[in-house]
Amino acid sequence: MKLREFANQLDRLIPGAWSEQWDNPGLLSGDLDSQVEKVAISLNATLDSIRKASAIGANVLVTHHPVLIRPTPRVLPETLSGASLFHSIKAGIALYAVHTNWDASPKGVNRILSEKAGLNDVLPLLPGQGGAWGTGAVGVLKKPLQLGELSAFLRESWGLSWIRVQGKGDSVIRRLALCGGSGGGLIAEASRMGADAFVTADLRYHEMLEGRFLGLSLLTCDHGEMEAASLEGLSQLIMAGTGLPAEVLPEEEPVGFFDLGNRSTYA
């Protein structure tokens, strides 16, 4: 299959039209007439993931985060995006990103996180259009859990190395809202939809103040680890939709914050 056809098929599976206006999903680099025989999948197009993609014989690296998302006037190996593009082109590996369109997909990040958390009666926090699921998710846990129990359950269900909790440990959580990645702007919506707790990444100080004011327990985890839970589902979708072999690459250490003297601080 040529790269041109692969890109067209992937856009049919996860349309770029589902993405946010500021986003930059789709084919970012590559020869449209080159042959695609194997697909590698990773969160980011880093030098590490490009080396791993080359080692398994992949011709395309599909990432969740686009290596080009802001205006890039020059490509130089002194920057992360420049180095990634420089080395991927040298290695003959095309780069394709599925970002907020994968978040919004009916088979994407937030639906997969909901399934792994065992939520019932799941709804999007913000409904999508044109066949998209929408933004975030909210649903009912299979059984009520205290906040401390929920934290441990999500760590295991999503494969997280850490999770931070804001709220009383013995608070009973029945209805859980979530948003893969940076979802702090959805706190008010989570409260409006009756959630007892909201879990996302990258919460800021004033967002946490808002959550406390609304009586919402908040859980924060590593941005990348939270979204990485969806990559196997992305691999299955690509293989079923294109007929090509696809492999999820081992991720680097999470970009998180730890007390090195006591890594259990955020357990």
Protein backbone atom coordinates (compact mmCIF):
# COMPACT_ATOMS: atom_id res chain seq x y z
CA MET A 1 0.00 0.00 0.00
CA LYS A 2 1.32 3.45 -0.90
CA LEU A 3 1.54 6.16 1.74
CA ARG A 4 -1.06 8.23 -0.11
CA GLU A 5 -3.65 5.44 0.21
CA PHE A 6 -2.68 4.72 3.82
CA ALA A 7 -3.21 8.37 4.76
CA ASN A 8 -6.58 8.43 3.01
CA GLN A 9 -7.72 5.24 4.74
CA LEU A 10 -6.61 6.47 8.16
CA ASP A 11 -8.48 9.74 7.63
CA ARG A 12 -11.61 7.73 6.88
CA LEU A 13 -11.15 5.77 10.11
CA ILE A 14 -10.31 8.82 12.26
CA PRO A 15 -11.33 11.92 10.29
CA GLY A 16 -9.28 15.05 10.69
CA ALA A 17 -12.61 16.89 10.66
CA TRP A 18 -13.15 15.63 14.24
CA SER A 19 -10.12 17.57 15.50
CA GLU A 20 -10.06 20.93 17.27
CA GLN A 21 -9.41 23.97 15.08
CA TRP A 22 -5.99 24.64 16.63
CA ASP A 23 -4.81 21.05 16.08
CA ASN A 24 -2.64 19.64 13.29
CA PRO A 25 -3.43 15.94 12.74
CA GLY A 26 -2.87 13.90 9.61
CA LEU A 27 0.17 13.20 7.46
CA LEU A 28 3.03 15.46 8.58
CA SER A 29 5.95 14.13 6.52
CA GLY A 30 6.70 11.43 3.99
CA ASP A 31 6.82 10.52 0.29
CA LEU A 32 3.23 9.95 -0.86
CA ASP A 33 4.38 7.39 -3.43
CA SER A 34 6.48 5.37 -0.96
CA GLN A 35 5.40 1.89 0.04
CA VAL A 36 3.97 1.17 3.50
CA GLU A 37 4.50 -2.35 4.81
CA LYS A 38 4.41 -1.90 8.59
CA VAL A 39 3.10 0.73 11.00
CA ALA A 40 4.62 1.74 14.35
CA ILE A 41 2.51 3.50 16.99
CA SER A 42 3.69 5.78 19.79
CA LEU A 43 2.55 8.76 21.83
CA ASN A 44 5.24 11.06 20.44
CA ALA A 45 7.65 11.28 17.53
CA THR A 46 10.87 11.41 19.56
CA LEU A 47 14.33 10.24 18.56
CA ASP A 48 13.72 7.18 20.72
CA SER A 49 10.43 6.23 19.04
CA ILE A 50 11.89 6.86 15.57
CA ARG A 51 14.81 4.52 16.33
CA LYS A 52 12.41 1.87 17.64
CA ALA A 53 10.18 2.25 14.57
CA SER A 54 13.19 1.78 12.30
CA ALA A 55 14.33 -1.26 14.29
CA ILE A 56 11.04 -3.10 13.68
CA GLY A 57 11.02 -2.22 9.97
CA ALA A 58 8.15 0.28 10.09
CA ASN A 59 7.66 2.74 7.23
CA VAL A 60 5.16 4.95 9.10
CA LEU A 61 5.12 6.16 12.70
CA VAL A 62 1.60 7.05 13.83
CA THR A 63 1.68 9.20 16.94
CA HIS A 64 -0.98 10.71 19.17
CA HIS A 65 0.79 14.06 19.55
CA PRO A 66 1.72 15.88 16.31
CA VAL A 67 5.39 16.77 16.02
CA LEU A 68 4.25 19.92 14.18
CA ILE A 69 1.50 21.76 16.02
CA ARG A 70 2.80 25.35 16.13
CA PRO A 71 4.14 27.37 13.19
CA THR A 72 7.62 26.02 12.45
CA PRO A 73 9.64 28.40 10.26
CA ARG A 74 12.70 26.12 10.07
CA VAL A 75 13.67 22.48 10.61
CA LEU A 76 16.89 22.22 12.61
CA PRO A 77 18.15 19.30 14.72
CA GLU A 78 18.60 21.63 17.73
CA THR A 79 14.84 21.53 18.46
CA LEU A 80 12.67 18.54 19.39
CA SER A 81 10.38 18.90 16.37
CA GLY A 82 13.29 19.64 14.03
CA ALA A 83 15.35 16.70 15.26
CA SER A 84 12.37 14.36 14.98
CA LEU A 85 11.60 15.45 11.42
CA PHE A 86 15.27 15.42 10.43
CA HIS A 87 15.86 11.87 11.68
CA SER A 88 12.54 10.44 10.50
CA ILE A 89 13.16 11.70 6.97
CA LYS A 90 16.71 10.28 7.02
CA ALA A 91 15.29 6.94 8.19
CA GLY A 92 12.58 6.94 5.51
CA ILE A 93 9.80 6.90 8.12
CA ALA A 94 6.67 8.93 7.43
CA LEU A 95 4.98 10.70 10.35
CA TYR A 96 1.20 10.71 10.85
CA ALA A 97 -0.67 12.08 13.88
CA VAL A 98 -4.13 11.37 15.32
CA HIS A 99 -4.59 13.85 18.14
CA THR A 100 -7.85 15.52 19.18
CA ASN A 101 -9.62 13.58 16.41
CA TRP A 102 -8.56 10.37 18.23
CA ASP A 103 -9.71 11.90 21.52
CA ALA A 104 -13.11 12.56 19.93
CA SER A 105 -13.45 9.22 18.13
CA PRO A 106 -16.22 6.79 19.17
CA LYS A 107 -13.40 4.22 19.43
CA GLY A 108 -10.80 6.62 20.80
CA VAL A 109 -9.09 7.76 23.98
CA ASN A 110 -12.05 8.62 26.19
CA ARG A 111 -14.19 5.65 25.15
CA ILE A 112 -11.27 3.29 25.80
CA LEU A 113 -10.55 4.85 29.20
CA SER A 114 -14.25 4.51 30.06
CA GLU A 115 -14.26 0.84 29.10
CA LYS A 116 -11.09 0.11 31.09
CA ALA A 117 -12.67 1.83 34.11
CA GLY A 118 -15.80 -0.31 33.68
CA LEU A 119 -18.15 2.67 33.41
CA ASN A 120 -21.83 2.14 32.57
CA ASP A 121 -24.29 4.57 30.94
CA VAL A 122 -21.40 6.54 29.44
CA LEU A 123 -21.98 9.96 27.85
CA PRO A 124 -19.57 12.56 26.43
CA LEU A 125 -19.01 15.66 28.55
CA LEU A 126 -19.36 17.69 25.36
CA PRO A 127 -21.14 15.88 22.47
CA GLY A 128 -19.42 15.79 19.09
CA GLN A 129 -20.76 16.30 15.58
CA GLY A 130 -20.43 14.52 12.27
CA GLY A 131 -20.08 11.05 13.77
CA ALA A 132 -17.60 12.08 16.47
CA TRP A 133 -18.11 10.94 20.06
CA GLY A 134 -17.17 14.29 21.55
CA THR A 135 -14.98 15.46 24.42
CA GLY A 136 -14.37 13.57 27.65
CA ALA A 137 -16.77 11.07 29.19
CA VAL A 138 -18.91 10.53 32.27
CA GLY A 139 -20.49 7.33 33.55
CA VAL A 140 -21.41 5.19 36.53
CA LEU A 141 -18.88 2.90 38.22
CA LYS A 142 -19.82 -0.78 38.50
CA LYS A 143 -19.82 -0.32 42.26
CA PRO A 144 -19.33 2.74 44.49
CA LEU A 145 -15.73 3.26 45.59
CA GLN A 146 -14.15 5.47 48.18
CA LEU A 147 -11.82 8.05 46.64
CA GLY A 148 -8.72 6.22 47.85
CA GLU A 149 -10.02 2.95 46.40
CA LEU A 150 -10.83 4.67 43.10
CA SER A 151 -7.28 6.00 42.87
CA ALA A 152 -5.82 2.50 43.28
CA PHE A 153 -8.35 1.04 40.83
CA LEU A 154 -7.53 3.57 38.09
CA ARG A 155 -3.79 3.10 38.56
CA GLU A 156 -4.23 -0.61 37.89
CA SER A 157 -6.87 -0.29 35.14
CA TRP A 158 -4.97 2.30 33.12
CA GLY A 159 -1.41 1.22 33.93
CA LEU A 160 -0.47 4.43 35.73
CA SER A 161 2.73 4.85 37.75
CA TRP A 162 1.22 7.60 39.92
CA ILE A 163 -1.97 9.51 40.59
CA ARG A 164 -2.61 12.58 42.74
CA VAL A 165 -5.86 13.03 44.63
CA GLN A 166 -7.65 16.18 45.80
CA GLY A 167 -10.55 15.40 48.13
CA LYS A 168 -11.42 13.34 51.17
CA GLY A 169 -10.12 9.78 50.96
CA ASP A 170 -13.37 8.33 52.31
CA SER A 171 -15.61 10.24 49.87
CA VAL A 172 -17.88 7.79 48.04
CA ILE A 173 -17.63 7.99 44.24
CA ARG A 174 -20.46 6.62 42.12
CA ARG A 175 -20.35 8.77 39.01
CA LEU A 176 -16.95 9.42 37.41
CA ALA A 177 -16.02 11.96 34.74
CA LEU A 178 -12.77 11.78 32.78
CA CYS A 179 -10.83 13.40 29.99
CA GLY A 180 -7.65 11.98 28.51
CA GLY A 181 -4.88 14.57 28.42
CA SER A 182 -5.38 18.17 29.56
CA GLY A 183 -9.04 18.41 30.59
CA GLY A 184 -9.05 21.09 33.27
CA GLY A 185 -11.44 23.23 31.25
CA LEU A 186 -14.14 20.57 31.70
CA ILE A 187 -14.41 20.72 35.50
CA ALA A 188 -17.61 22.77 35.48
CA GLU A 189 -19.13 20.45 32.85
CA ALA A 190 -18.23 17.38 34.92
CA SER A 191 -19.96 18.93 37.92
CA ARG A 192 -23.00 19.92 35.84
CA MET A 193 -23.38 16.31 34.68
CA GLY A 194 -23.47 15.03 38.25
CA ALA A 195 -19.98 13.56 38.57
CA ASP A 196 -18.65 12.89 42.06
CA ALA A 197 -15.05 12.89 40.79
CA PHE A 198 -13.15 13.99 37.70
CA VAL A 199 -9.85 12.52 36.49
CA THR A 200 -7.56 14.12 33.91
CA ALA A 201 -3.97 15.38 33.51
CA ASP A 202 -2.19 18.74 33.83
CA LEU A 203 -4.60 20.39 36.27
CA ARG A 204 -3.66 23.96 37.16
CA TYR A 205 -3.98 25.66 40.52
CA HIS A 206 -7.09 27.70 39.72
CA GLU A 207 -8.78 24.69 38.13
CA MET A 208 -8.22 22.76 41.36
CA LEU A 209 -9.72 25.66 43.31
CA GLU A 210 -12.78 25.54 41.06
CA GLY A 211 -13.14 21.79 41.60
CA ARG A 212 -13.01 22.21 45.35
CA PHE A 213 -15.60 25.01 45.21
CA LEU A 214 -17.93 22.76 43.19
CA GLY A 215 -17.49 19.87 45.63
CA LEU A 216 -15.81 17.71 43.00
CA SER A 217 -13.06 15.27 43.95
CA LEU A 218 -10.16 15.58 41.50
CA LEU A 219 -7.61 13.00 40.38
CA THR A 220 -4.58 13.97 38.30
CA CYS A 221 -2.27 11.56 36.48
CA ASP A 222 0.54 11.65 33.93
CA HIS A 223 -0.67 13.07 30.59
CA GLY A 224 1.16 10.52 28.48
CA GLU A 225 0.40 7.47 30.60
CA MET A 226 -3.31 8.29 30.59
CA GLU A 227 -3.41 8.51 26.79
CA ALA A 228 -1.09 5.54 26.29
CA ALA A 229 -3.91 3.32 27.54
CA SER A 230 -5.58 3.91 24.14
CA LEU A 231 -2.69 2.96 21.87
CA GLU A 232 -3.43 -0.76 21.67
CA GLY A 233 -6.97 0.11 20.58
CA LEU A 234 -5.52 2.42 17.92
CA SER A 235 -3.29 -0.41 16.72
CA GLN A 236 -6.27 -2.78 16.39
CA LEU A 237 -8.26 -0.15 14.48
CA ILE A 238 -5.41 0.49 12.03
CA MET A 239 -4.82 -3.22 11.40
CA ALA A 240 -8.54 -3.89 10.84
CA GLY A 241 -9.00 -0.81 8.66
CA THR A 242 -5.89 -1.04 6.48
CA GLY A 243 -4.85 -4.70 6.61
CA LEU A 244 -1.31 -3.65 7.56
CA PRO A 245 0.59 -4.96 10.59
CA ALA A 246 0.83 -2.36 13.36
CA GLU A 247 2.87 -2.46 16.55
CA VAL A 248 2.73 -0.27 19.66
CA LEU A 249 6.25 0.77 20.63
CA PRO A 250 7.44 0.57 24.25
CA GLU A 251 7.14 4.03 25.78
CA GLU A 252 9.92 6.00 27.43
CA GLU A 253 9.72 6.86 31.13
CA PRO A 254 6.66 9.06 31.83
CA VAL A 255 7.21 12.81 31.87
CA GLY A 256 5.99 13.20 35.45
CA PHE A 257 7.04 14.61 38.77
CA PHE A 258 8.20 12.50 41.69
CA ASP A 259 9.66 13.00 45.12
CA LEU A 260 12.84 11.02 44.51
CA GLY A 261 13.21 10.38 48.22
CA ASN A 262 9.76 8.79 48.37
CA ARG A 263 8.18 7.74 45.08
CA SER A 264 5.06 6.64 46.94
CA THR A 265 4.23 10.32 47.63
CA TYR A 266 1.70 10.35 44.81
CA ALA A 267 0.54 6.74 45.11
